[in-house]
Amino acid sequence: MTTTTPRTLAQQPWEPALSVRQVLGLERVRAGQPEVVAGAHRLDRPVRWVHVAEAADVGVMLSGGEMVLTTGVLLAGDEEGQGEYIRSLDRAEAAAVVLGLGRAFPAPPEVMRSAAERCGLPMVVLHRPFPFAELTEEVQSRLLRRKFAAVSLSEAVRTELTGLITAGAPVQRLLDEVARHAGCPVVVTNLAHRALATAGERAAVDDVLRDWERIARQAGAGSADGWIRAELTCRGEGWGRLVLCGYRGERAAGRLLADRAAEALVLHRMLAGDGTHPGVPAGSREPWDSWEEQSARSLLTDLVSGAVPARQLLPRARAAGLPVNRRVFVPLVVREREPARPARVLRRLGLPGLAARLADDHVAVLLSLAPDQDARALTAHFATRLRAEPDNSHAVVAAAGARADWTGVPAGLREAQHVADAVADSPAAALDLPPVVRLRDIHLRGLVRLLRDDPHVQSFAERELDGLLRGPDRDLLPVLRTYLATGRNKSRTAQLHHVSRPALYRRLEAIQGSLGVDLDDFEQAASVHIALLAHDAQQG
């Protein structure tokens, strides 16, 4: 028995098609009283064309997807020929065969019916005389209209997306337009089915992502209804897929839409990669700024901002590859010059987690650990390895306490960010920081930073520092900052500013004269120190 390899999504033709079931539902066809006598389970096969043929060897004239109409006049009385006729249609991958009953066959021939059932070829008989020309005209005109509509949609989408690219629109804007045209969620994945970007109605996207890996693999195998994917390939190498999730329009139109969207994404990536994209200077795009990083950044930014409830972000976290079931989460914020390094260190250590840039020198890191793992030890190990990277010994790793509940992650990330910012406001050379900085390590500096936007605190800082901020001695602020941060250690301050002790004494006298305070008095020095911390926090 001859077998055929089923076509994958990528191999299916683009031509618009009606299913056998849809053809049988046409008003003109119903007038012929159609009856399905075999292959009823294959009525959703696409009909690419309608072909009227009486020849016994019609199979050699077909290219696949045809609905063949016949009266069987040349097959009457030839049972062997009837069976071979059906088998030849099956070998040619015909969509269905329609037999008009009449003088040649007053009833469905059993040989043809049995052969069609064995092959899985839909066989339909028409009980009333029916002009085949009407059916051919009806189906062909519908197919042509669908093809024209699909091509028009394809060109409209291509023009629109190309216009967005040339205008410098971000990737998310492109995906939003694709989702609008598709009327369904759109997901971009890497080759391991990890979701990199999404678009569409938020609730629908979340529903899709809840069990993403399983349904993504089903879509890849072509078993999910309404799921259409297009491969993302750049310079001959595949790097991801775009998936229309639950597309309800004509499949051919969906295929064209997905392919046009894939073309636009690949073009956007290529232009951004070589610096020819509008607004992207040549060579300015950092190599680490990948789709995976963008996906992680979007998720972590939403967690930090609190704009989306944490539980609603769980599907996105799971789809991004972060383990979330029965895990302990450790929120971190890293301040360092090369934001790519935290993600690289995570991979080298084999620690499950996400890392993404939040600001110019802030990288959020979210570790996902098993309950039996030592969160503090692994966090310290991560920080040590990160600071061991070349030219990275001054990287600051700020951590919040481990969270056993996902809903506590946003507050943890904000706490870590607060700690990192408080450290950034301090004179780094004067601080003796542990490998991992926590809330208790920033003491008064952390409290003042939390209160920096309070008008009373702002007024207090301006009043206490007014003599330096407005006068000619403003350049003495760094000396004052170091002197107070070192616990009023004159020798250390002179060393850090590369001046002699007599020269430092003169500067301290100038500072005291401008502020009208005695820095040897603990309360006055403390008041100036708090004011300076508030001023630095406000400026930062």
Protein backbone atom coordinates (compact mmCIF):
# COMPACT_ATOMS: atom_id res chain seq x y z
CA MET A 1 0.00 0.00 0.00
CA THR A 2 1.35 3.40 -0.94
CA THR A 3 1.83 5.82 1.94
CA THR A 4 2.29 9.55 1.76
CA THR A 5 4.10 11.82 4.16
CA PRO A 6 1.75 14.37 5.75
CA ARG A 7 2.61 17.94 4.98
CA THR A 8 3.88 20.09 7.83
CA LEU A 9 2.67 23.61 8.45
CA ALA A 10 5.66 25.02 6.64
CA GLN A 11 5.04 22.80 3.60
CA GLN A 12 1.36 23.52 3.14
CA PRO A 13 0.52 25.57 0.06
CA TRP A 14 -0.31 29.23 0.37
CA GLU A 15 -3.23 29.07 -2.03
CA PRO A 16 -6.56 29.79 -0.36
CA ALA A 17 -8.73 26.70 -0.11
CA LEU A 18 -12.21 25.57 0.84
CA SER A 19 -12.58 22.38 2.81
CA VAL A 20 -14.56 19.47 1.41
CA ARG A 21 -17.12 20.14 4.12
CA GLN A 22 -17.47 23.78 3.07
CA VAL A 23 -17.95 22.82 -0.59
CA LEU A 24 -20.70 20.37 0.35
CA GLY A 25 -22.39 23.13 2.34
CA LEU A 26 -22.73 25.44 -0.67
CA GLU A 27 -26.33 26.10 -1.67
CA ARG A 28 -25.82 24.95 -5.26
CA VAL A 29 -24.27 21.69 -4.09
CA ARG A 30 -27.03 20.98 -1.57
CA ALA A 31 -29.48 21.10 -4.46
CA GLY A 32 -27.86 17.88 -5.73
CA GLN A 33 -28.63 16.10 -2.42
CA PRO A 34 -25.02 15.12 -1.63
CA GLU A 35 -24.34 12.09 0.56
CA VAL A 36 -20.94 11.21 2.03
CA VAL A 37 -20.53 7.45 1.60
CA ALA A 38 -16.80 7.12 2.52
CA GLY A 39 -14.01 9.07 4.23
CA ALA A 40 -16.38 11.10 6.40
CA HIS A 41 -13.56 11.70 8.89
CA ARG A 42 -11.53 13.55 6.23
CA LEU A 43 -14.06 16.21 5.24
CA ASP A 44 -11.81 19.03 6.48
CA ARG A 45 -9.25 18.35 3.75
CA PRO A 46 -8.59 21.49 1.69
CA VAL A 47 -9.96 21.75 -1.84
CA ARG A 48 -7.50 23.69 -3.97
CA TRP A 49 -9.35 23.23 -7.28
CA VAL A 50 -12.30 21.43 -8.89
CA HIS A 51 -11.63 19.11 -11.82
CA VAL A 52 -14.23 17.39 -14.03
CA ALA A 53 -12.87 14.15 -15.51
CA GLU A 54 -14.26 10.89 -16.84
CA ALA A 55 -10.93 9.30 -17.83
CA ALA A 56 -10.01 6.19 -15.84
CA ASP A 57 -6.40 7.36 -15.46
CA VAL A 58 -7.31 10.85 -14.21
CA GLY A 59 -4.76 10.56 -11.36
CA VAL A 60 -1.83 11.31 -13.66
CA MET A 61 -3.38 14.70 -14.48
CA LEU A 62 -3.69 15.86 -10.87
CA SER A 63 -1.24 17.79 -8.67
CA GLY A 64 -2.99 17.39 -5.30
CA GLY A 65 -5.90 19.05 -3.53
CA GLU A 66 -8.44 18.66 -6.35
CA MET A 67 -12.07 17.69 -5.91
CA VAL A 68 -12.74 15.38 -8.85
CA LEU A 69 -16.27 15.32 -10.36
CA THR A 70 -17.33 12.32 -12.43
CA THR A 71 -20.38 10.36 -13.62
CA GLY A 72 -18.28 7.16 -13.82
CA VAL A 73 -19.56 6.45 -17.31
CA LEU A 74 -16.23 4.84 -18.31
CA LEU A 75 -16.09 2.73 -15.13
CA ALA A 76 -19.48 1.04 -15.29
CA GLY A 77 -19.15 -2.74 -15.24
CA ASP A 78 -15.39 -2.68 -14.54
CA GLU A 79 -14.97 -3.42 -10.82
CA GLU A 80 -11.18 -3.70 -11.08
CA GLY A 81 -11.03 -0.36 -12.86
CA GLN A 82 -13.30 1.19 -10.22
CA GLY A 83 -10.94 0.17 -7.40
CA GLU A 84 -7.85 1.35 -9.30
CA TYR A 85 -9.57 4.66 -10.09
CA ILE A 86 -9.99 5.41 -6.36
CA ARG A 87 -6.44 4.29 -5.56
CA SER A 88 -5.00 6.53 -8.30
CA LEU A 89 -6.87 9.53 -6.84
CA ASP A 90 -5.45 8.73 -3.42
CA ARG A 91 -1.91 8.50 -4.81
CA ALA A 92 -2.38 11.90 -6.48
CA GLU A 93 -3.55 13.34 -3.09
CA ALA A 94 -6.94 14.38 -4.45
CA ALA A 95 -9.12 16.10 -1.87
CA ALA A 96 -12.30 14.13 -2.66
CA VAL A 97 -14.26 12.44 -5.42
CA VAL A 98 -17.88 13.35 -6.25
CA LEU A 99 -19.91 10.81 -8.22
CA GLY A 100 -23.11 11.89 -9.92
CA LEU A 101 -25.63 8.99 -9.80
CA GLY A 102 -27.53 8.28 -12.99
CA ARG A 103 -27.40 5.84 -15.89
CA ALA A 104 -23.87 4.60 -15.15
CA PHE A 105 -24.42 4.12 -11.43
CA PRO A 106 -27.96 4.34 -10.09
CA ALA A 107 -26.59 3.59 -6.58
CA PRO A 108 -23.17 4.09 -4.94
CA PRO A 109 -20.87 1.31 -6.28
CA GLU A 110 -19.64 -0.84 -3.40
CA VAL A 111 -16.18 -1.41 -4.89
CA MET A 112 -15.49 2.31 -5.15
CA ARG A 113 -16.97 3.01 -1.71
CA SER A 114 -14.89 0.29 -0.02
CA ALA A 115 -11.70 1.41 -1.74
CA ALA A 116 -12.32 5.05 -0.78
CA GLU A 117 -12.96 4.07 2.84
CA ARG A 118 -9.72 2.11 3.00
CA CYS A 119 -7.75 5.01 1.51
CA GLY A 120 -9.44 7.64 3.66
CA LEU A 121 -10.57 9.48 0.52
CA PRO A 122 -13.86 11.36 0.97
CA MET A 123 -16.38 9.99 -1.55
CA VAL A 124 -19.63 11.86 -2.17
CA VAL A 125 -22.56 10.83 -4.32
CA LEU A 126 -25.16 13.24 -5.74
CA HIS A 127 -28.68 11.77 -5.75
CA ARG A 128 -30.19 14.38 -8.05
CA PRO A 129 -28.94 15.42 -11.49
CA PHE A 130 -26.60 18.33 -11.06
CA PRO A 131 -24.73 20.44 -13.65
CA PHE A 132 -21.05 20.00 -12.84
CA ALA A 133 -20.35 23.32 -14.54
CA GLU A 134 -22.29 25.16 -11.84
CA LEU A 135 -20.26 23.55 -9.07
CA THR A 136 -16.99 24.24 -10.89
CA GLU A 137 -17.92 27.87 -11.46
CA GLU A 138 -19.05 28.38 -7.86
CA VAL A 139 -15.95 26.87 -6.26
CA GLN A 140 -13.42 28.37 -8.65
CA SER A 141 -14.84 31.88 -8.23
CA ARG A 142 -14.77 31.56 -4.45
CA LEU A 143 -11.18 30.32 -4.51
CA LEU A 144 -10.10 33.17 -6.75
CA ARG A 145 -11.78 35.73 -4.50
CA ARG A 146 -10.05 34.24 -1.47
CA LYS A 147 -6.72 34.25 -3.20
CA PHE A 148 -7.11 37.89 -4.19
CA ALA A 149 -8.14 38.82 -0.63
CA ALA A 150 -5.16 36.94 0.82
CA VAL A 151 -2.70 38.61 -1.55
CA SER A 152 -4.21 42.03 -0.81
CA LEU A 153 -3.88 41.38 2.92
CA SER A 154 -0.30 40.22 2.43
CA GLU A 155 0.71 43.36 0.57
CA ALA A 156 -1.12 45.67 2.98
CA VAL A 157 0.59 44.07 5.98
CA ARG A 158 3.99 44.12 4.29
CA THR A 159 3.62 47.82 3.44
CA GLU A 160 2.45 48.71 6.94
CA LEU A 161 5.20 46.78 8.75
CA THR A 162 7.91 48.09 6.43
CA GLY A 163 6.71 51.61 7.12
CA LEU A 164 6.97 51.01 10.87
CA ILE A 165 10.50 49.64 10.49
CA THR A 166 11.72 52.59 8.43
CA ALA A 167 10.18 54.92 11.03
CA GLY A 168 12.28 53.24 13.72
CA ALA A 169 9.38 51.57 15.54
CA PRO A 170 10.33 49.05 18.25
CA VAL A 171 9.68 45.34 17.84
CA GLN A 172 6.71 45.46 20.19
CA ARG A 173 4.97 47.95 17.89
CA LEU A 174 5.38 45.54 14.97
CA LEU A 175 3.96 42.66 16.98
CA ASP A 176 1.02 44.76 18.16
CA GLU A 177 0.12 45.47 14.53
CA VAL A 178 0.40 41.79 13.61
CA ALA A 179 -1.86 40.87 16.53
CA ARG A 180 -4.38 43.50 15.44
CA HIS A 181 -4.54 42.07 11.92
CA ALA A 182 -4.64 38.48 13.18
CA GLY A 183 -7.24 39.05 15.89
CA CYS A 184 -5.45 36.56 18.12
CA PRO A 185 -2.40 36.40 20.42
CA VAL A 186 1.01 36.44 18.75
CA VAL A 187 4.03 34.82 20.39
CA VAL A 188 7.67 34.88 19.31
CA THR A 189 9.73 31.96 20.62
CA ASN A 190 13.28 30.73 20.43
CA LEU A 191 14.07 27.28 19.03
CA ALA A 192 13.51 25.71 22.46
CA HIS A 193 9.90 27.03 22.52
CA ARG A 194 10.71 29.66 25.17
CA ALA A 195 8.48 32.71 24.75
CA LEU A 196 10.51 35.82 23.89
CA ALA A 197 7.80 38.35 23.08
CA THR A 198 4.01 38.49 22.97
CA ALA A 199 1.28 40.73 21.62
CA GLY A 200 -2.49 40.76 21.71
CA GLU A 201 -5.19 41.12 24.32
CA ARG A 202 -3.53 40.59 27.70
CA ALA A 203 -6.09 38.08 29.03
CA ALA A 204 -5.91 36.01 25.83
CA VAL A 205 -2.10 36.07 25.89
CA ASP A 206 -2.07 34.90 29.52
CA ASP A 207 -4.43 32.03 28.65
CA VAL A 208 -2.08 30.96 25.88
CA LEU A 209 1.01 31.13 28.11
CA ARG A 210 -0.41 29.11 31.02
CA ASP A 211 0.63 25.82 29.47
CA TRP A 212 2.88 27.27 26.83
CA GLU A 213 5.49 24.58 26.29
CA ARG A 214 2.96 21.81 25.71
CA ILE A 215 0.72 23.71 23.32
CA ALA A 216 3.72 25.26 21.55
CA ARG A 217 5.02 21.79 20.75
CA GLN A 218 1.56 20.74 19.59
CA ALA A 219 1.48 23.74 17.27
CA GLY A 220 4.88 22.75 15.97
CA ALA A 221 3.56 19.32 15.15
CA GLY A 222 0.58 20.82 13.34
CA SER A 223 -1.97 19.38 15.75
CA ALA A 224 -3.38 22.60 17.19
CA ASP A 225 -6.37 24.09 15.43
CA GLY A 226 -5.87 27.68 14.34
CA TRP A 227 -2.18 27.77 15.29
CA ILE A 228 0.03 29.00 12.48
CA ARG A 229 3.76 29.42 12.75
CA ALA A 230 6.48 30.94 10.60
CA GLU A 231 10.19 30.29 10.97
CA LEU A 232 12.53 33.19 11.80
CA THR A 233 15.75 32.77 9.84
CA CYS A 234 18.61 35.22 9.49
CA ARG A 235 21.48 34.63 7.06
CA GLY A 236 20.53 31.01 6.64
CA GLU A 237 20.33 30.24 10.36
CA GLY A 238 17.07 29.71 12.21
CA TRP A 239 16.81 31.54 15.52
CA GLY A 240 13.13 31.44 16.43
CA ARG A 241 9.49 31.19 15.41
CA LEU A 242 6.47 33.45 15.22
CA VAL A 243 3.18 31.81 16.16
CA LEU A 244 -0.38 33.01 15.57
CA CYS A 245 -2.25 31.40 18.46
CA GLY A 246 -5.81 30.43 17.59
CA TYR A 247 -6.17 32.28 14.28
CA ARG A 248 -9.84 32.09 13.19
CA GLY A 249 -9.63 33.39 9.65
CA GLU A 250 -8.82 31.48 6.48
CA ARG A 251 -5.70 29.43 6.97
CA ALA A 252 -4.15 30.69 3.74
CA ALA A 253 -4.58 34.29 4.90
CA GLY A 254 -3.09 33.34 8.26
CA ARG A 255 -0.09 31.77 6.56
CA LEU A 256 0.53 34.89 4.53
CA LEU A 257 0.12 37.11 7.57
CA ALA A 258 2.56 35.01 9.60
CA ASP A 259 5.12 34.99 6.80
CA ARG A 260 4.90 38.74 6.28
CA ALA A 261 5.31 39.27 10.03
CA ALA A 262 8.32 36.94 10.10
CA GLU A 263 9.93 38.84 7.23
CA ALA A 264 9.46 42.11 9.11
CA LEU A 265 10.94 40.75 12.35
CA VAL A 266 13.98 39.35 10.56
CA LEU A 267 14.49 42.66 8.74
CA HIS A 268 14.16 44.58 12.00
CA ARG A 269 16.70 42.32 13.67
CA MET A 270 19.19 42.63 10.81
CA LEU A 271 18.92 46.43 10.68
CA ALA A 272 19.25 46.76 14.45
CA GLY A 273 22.17 44.33 14.44
CA ASP A 274 24.32 46.19 11.92
CA GLY A 275 23.42 49.68 13.10
CA THR A 276 21.58 50.72 9.92
CA HIS A 277 18.23 51.03 11.67
CA PRO A 278 16.98 54.63 11.98
CA GLY A 279 18.13 56.05 15.28
CA VAL A 280 20.67 53.27 15.91
CA PRO A 281 24.26 54.46 15.33
CA ALA A 282 26.53 51.95 13.62
CA GLY A 283 28.08 49.60 16.14
CA SER A 284 26.01 50.94 19.03
CA ARG A 285 23.77 47.92 19.50
CA GLU A 286 25.17 45.77 22.27
CA PRO A 287 25.45 42.09 21.35
CA TRP A 288 23.79 41.00 24.59
CA ASP A 289 20.61 42.95 23.81
CA SER A 290 18.90 39.83 22.47
CA TRP A 291 15.28 38.75 22.23
CA GLU A 292 15.76 36.67 25.38
CA GLU A 293 17.06 39.71 27.23
CA GLN A 294 14.20 41.86 25.96
CA SER A 295 11.70 39.26 27.15
CA ALA A 296 13.33 39.11 30.59
CA ARG A 297 13.49 42.92 30.75
CA SER A 298 9.80 43.27 30.00
CA LEU A 299 8.88 40.76 32.70
CA LEU A 300 11.23 42.14 35.37
CA THR A 301 10.24 45.74 34.61
CA ASP A 302 6.57 44.86 35.08
CA LEU A 303 7.41 43.11 38.35
CA VAL A 304 9.38 46.10 39.68
CA SER A 305 6.78 48.66 38.63
CA GLY A 306 3.85 46.77 40.13
CA ALA A 307 1.72 47.91 37.18
CA VAL A 308 0.60 44.30 36.65
CA PRO A 309 -0.32 42.05 39.62
CA ALA A 310 2.39 39.45 40.22
CA ARG A 311 0.04 36.50 39.79
CA GLN A 312 -0.90 37.71 36.31
CA LEU A 313 2.78 37.62 35.39
CA LEU A 314 3.22 33.97 36.37
CA PRO A 315 2.33 32.62 32.89
CA ARG A 316 4.89 34.95 31.30
CA ALA A 317 7.56 33.89 33.78
CA ARG A 318 6.86 30.22 33.13
CA ALA A 319 6.85 30.73 29.37
CA ALA A 320 10.17 32.60 29.63
CA GLY A 321 11.70 29.45 31.11
CA LEU A 322 11.79 30.47 34.78
CA PRO A 323 10.89 27.61 37.17
CA VAL A 324 8.02 28.86 39.34
CA ASN A 325 6.47 25.81 41.02
CA ARG A 326 7.64 25.15 44.60
CA ARG A 327 10.59 27.54 44.30
CA VAL A 328 12.34 30.13 46.43
CA PHE A 329 12.98 33.45 44.67
CA VAL A 330 15.97 35.69 45.42
CA PRO A 331 15.59 39.27 44.02
CA LEU A 332 18.87 41.05 43.23
CA VAL A 333 19.89 44.32 41.60
CA VAL A 334 23.43 44.62 40.25
CA ARG A 335 25.20 47.88 39.49
CA GLU A 336 28.05 47.44 37.04
CA ARG A 337 29.44 48.75 33.76
CA GLU A 338 28.65 45.79 31.49
CA PRO A 339 25.03 44.69 31.97
CA ALA A 340 25.59 41.46 30.03
CA ARG A 341 27.80 39.93 32.68
CA PRO A 342 25.17 38.92 35.27
CA ALA A 343 23.34 36.79 32.68
CA ARG A 344 26.61 35.18 31.58
CA VAL A 345 27.58 34.37 35.17
CA LEU A 346 24.15 32.81 35.77
CA ARG A 347 24.66 30.52 32.78
CA ARG A 348 28.19 29.57 33.83
CA LEU A 349 27.07 28.69 37.35
CA GLY A 350 24.01 26.82 36.08
CA LEU A 351 21.72 28.91 38.28
CA PRO A 352 18.11 29.14 37.04
CA GLY A 353 17.07 32.74 36.81
CA LEU A 354 16.49 35.82 34.69
CA ALA A 355 18.68 38.89 34.27
CA ALA A 356 17.85 42.10 32.43
CA ARG A 357 18.85 45.74 32.40
CA LEU A 358 16.46 48.09 34.17
CA ALA A 359 18.47 51.30 33.70
CA ASP A 360 21.85 52.32 32.34
CA ASP A 361 23.82 50.61 35.10
CA HIS A 362 21.11 48.63 36.92
CA VAL A 363 20.57 44.95 36.15
CA ALA A 364 17.73 43.10 37.84
CA VAL A 365 18.43 39.44 38.60
CA LEU A 366 15.81 36.99 39.83
CA LEU A 367 17.12 33.63 41.04
CA SER A 368 14.72 30.67 41.21
CA LEU A 369 16.04 28.06 43.63
CA ALA A 370 14.79 24.77 45.03
CA PRO A 371 13.62 24.96 48.67
CA ASP A 372 16.50 22.76 49.83
CA GLN A 373 19.17 25.01 48.28
CA ASP A 374 21.08 27.52 50.42
CA ALA A 375 19.86 30.84 49.02
CA ARG A 376 22.38 33.00 50.92
CA ALA A 377 25.35 30.83 49.97
CA LEU A 378 24.37 30.70 46.29
CA THR A 379 23.75 34.45 46.21
CA ALA A 380 27.20 35.08 47.73
CA HIS A 381 28.74 32.65 45.23
CA PHE A 382 27.08 34.49 42.36
CA ALA A 383 28.33 37.86 43.67
CA THR A 384 31.87 36.57 44.14
CA ARG A 385 32.03 35.13 40.64
CA LEU A 386 30.57 38.32 39.19
CA ARG A 387 33.14 40.51 40.92
CA ALA A 388 35.91 38.15 39.78
CA GLU A 389 35.19 39.06 36.16
CA PRO A 390 37.88 41.26 34.50
CA ASP A 391 37.63 44.94 35.50
CA ASN A 392 34.57 44.21 37.61
CA SER A 393 35.84 44.16 41.19
CA HIS A 394 33.69 47.18 42.15
CA ALA A 395 30.38 45.72 40.97
CA VAL A 396 27.68 46.12 43.60
CA VAL A 397 25.27 43.24 44.23
CA ALA A 398 22.24 44.32 46.27
CA ALA A 399 19.90 41.62 47.55
CA ALA A 400 16.53 41.39 49.23
CA GLY A 401 15.50 38.51 51.42
CA ALA A 402 14.47 35.27 49.72
CA ARG A 403 10.76 34.99 48.88
CA ALA A 404 8.94 31.67 49.16
CA ASP A 405 5.85 33.20 47.54
CA TRP A 406 5.83 34.61 43.99
CA THR A 407 3.62 37.51 45.09
CA GLY A 408 6.48 38.81 47.25
CA VAL A 409 8.89 39.13 44.31
CA PRO A 410 7.90 42.70 43.25
CA ALA A 411 8.51 44.10 46.74
CA GLY A 412 11.79 42.18 46.90
CA LEU A 413 13.02 43.64 43.62
CA ARG A 414 12.10 47.15 44.75
CA GLU A 415 13.94 46.59 48.04
CA ALA A 416 17.06 45.41 46.19
CA GLN A 417 16.84 48.40 43.86
CA HIS A 418 16.58 50.74 46.86
CA VAL A 419 19.69 49.18 48.41
CA ALA A 420 21.63 49.46 45.14
CA ASP A 421 20.63 53.12 44.74
CA ALA A 422 21.59 53.93 48.33
CA VAL A 423 25.03 52.42 47.75
CA ALA A 424 25.39 54.39 44.51
CA ASP A 425 24.76 57.65 46.40
CA SER A 426 27.75 57.00 48.66
CA PRO A 427 31.44 57.65 48.03
CA ALA A 428 32.39 54.13 46.93
CA ALA A 429 36.04 54.43 47.90
CA ALA A 430 35.04 55.18 51.48
CA LEU A 431 32.77 52.17 51.90
CA ASP A 432 33.78 48.70 52.97
CA LEU A 433 30.96 46.74 51.34
CA PRO A 434 30.29 43.03 51.77
CA PRO A 435 30.02 40.90 48.58
CA VAL A 436 26.22 41.09 48.85
CA VAL A 437 24.74 44.31 50.21
CA ARG A 438 21.43 44.07 52.06
CA LEU A 439 19.05 46.55 53.63
CA ARG A 440 20.72 46.36 57.04
CA ASP A 441 24.09 47.29 55.47
CA ILE A 442 23.02 50.77 54.32
CA HIS A 443 21.82 52.03 57.73
CA LEU A 444 21.03 55.76 57.85
CA ARG A 445 21.81 56.23 54.16
CA GLY A 446 18.96 53.92 53.23
CA LEU A 447 16.45 55.68 55.46
CA VAL A 448 17.38 59.11 54.14
CA ARG A 449 17.05 57.88 50.57
CA LEU A 450 13.53 56.64 51.27
CA LEU A 451 12.61 60.09 52.61
CA ARG A 452 14.40 62.12 49.92
CA ASP A 453 11.17 63.32 48.24
CA ASP A 454 9.66 64.64 51.46
CA PRO A 455 9.48 68.47 51.27
CA HIS A 456 10.59 68.77 54.90
CA VAL A 457 13.72 66.73 54.21
CA GLN A 458 14.46 68.76 51.07
CA SER A 459 14.05 72.02 52.98
CA PHE A 460 16.29 70.73 55.78
CA ALA A 461 19.08 69.77 53.35
CA GLU A 462 18.97 73.11 51.57
CA ARG A 463 19.05 75.00 54.89
CA GLU A 464 21.93 73.03 56.37
CA LEU A 465 24.12 73.13 53.24
CA ASP A 466 23.16 76.56 51.97
CA GLY A 467 26.57 78.12 52.64
CA LEU A 468 28.33 75.56 50.43
CA LEU A 469 25.68 75.11 47.76
CA ARG A 470 25.42 78.82 46.93
CA GLY A 471 28.88 80.13 47.78
CA PRO A 472 32.24 79.85 46.05
CA ASP A 473 33.17 76.85 48.23
CA ARG A 474 30.88 74.37 46.42
CA ASP A 475 33.96 72.44 45.28
CA LEU A 476 34.53 71.52 48.91
CA LEU A 477 31.45 69.26 48.97
CA PRO A 478 33.47 66.13 47.96
CA VAL A 479 35.88 66.74 50.83
CA LEU A 480 33.01 67.13 53.28
CA ARG A 481 31.37 63.99 51.91
CA THR A 482 34.49 61.88 52.35
CA TYR A 483 35.30 63.33 55.76
CA LEU A 484 31.85 62.43 57.15
CA ALA A 485 31.66 59.03 55.38
CA THR A 486 35.00 58.00 56.94
CA GLY A 487 33.79 58.87 60.42
CA ARG A 488 35.67 62.21 60.45
CA ASN A 489 38.99 60.48 59.89
CA LYS A 490 41.34 63.29 58.83
CA SER A 491 44.23 61.03 57.82
CA ARG A 492 42.03 58.83 55.63
CA THR A 493 40.32 61.86 54.06
CA ALA A 494 43.65 63.49 53.23
CA GLN A 495 44.88 60.24 51.71
CA LEU A 496 41.78 59.77 49.54
CA HIS A 497 41.96 63.35 48.24
CA HIS A 498 45.75 63.27 47.80
CA VAL A 499 46.40 66.34 49.92
CA SER A 500 48.54 67.00 52.94
CA ARG A 501 47.03 67.19 56.40
CA PRO A 502 47.66 70.97 56.71
CA ALA A 503 45.93 71.50 53.37
CA LEU A 504 42.99 69.37 54.57
CA TYR A 505 42.75 71.38 57.79
CA ARG A 506 42.45 74.60 55.77
CA ARG A 507 39.65 73.09 53.68
CA LEU A 508 37.79 71.88 56.74
CA GLU A 509 38.05 75.32 58.28
CA ALA A 510 36.63 76.83 55.09
CA ILE A 511 33.74 74.35 55.17
CA GLN A 512 32.95 75.14 58.79
CA GLY A 513 33.07 78.84 58.09
CA SER A 514 30.70 78.54 55.10
CA LEU A 515 28.21 76.38 57.01
CA GLY A 516 28.59 78.10 60.38
CA VAL A 517 29.06 74.79 62.22
CA ASP A 518 31.65 73.03 64.34
CA LEU A 519 32.34 69.61 62.79
CA ASP A 520 34.02 68.48 66.02
CA ASP A 521 30.60 68.70 67.69
CA PHE A 522 28.90 65.33 67.15
CA GLU A 523 25.33 66.66 66.88
CA GLN A 524 26.26 69.40 64.42
CA ALA A 525 28.36 66.98 62.35
CA ALA A 526 25.49 64.46 62.36
CA SER A 527 23.05 67.13 61.21
CA VAL A 528 25.32 68.13 58.31
CA HIS A 529 25.89 64.46 57.45
CA ILE A 530 22.15 63.76 57.23
CA ALA A 531 21.63 66.88 55.12
CA LEU A 532 24.40 65.81 52.77
CA LEU A 533 22.95 62.30 52.47
CA ALA A 534 19.57 63.81 51.61
CA HIS A 535 21.14 66.20 49.08
CA ASP A 536 23.04 63.33 47.37
CA ALA A 537 19.92 61.16 47.30
CA GLN A 538 17.90 63.96 45.70
CA GLN A 539 20.59 64.62 43.12
CA GLY A 540 20.94 60.90 42.38
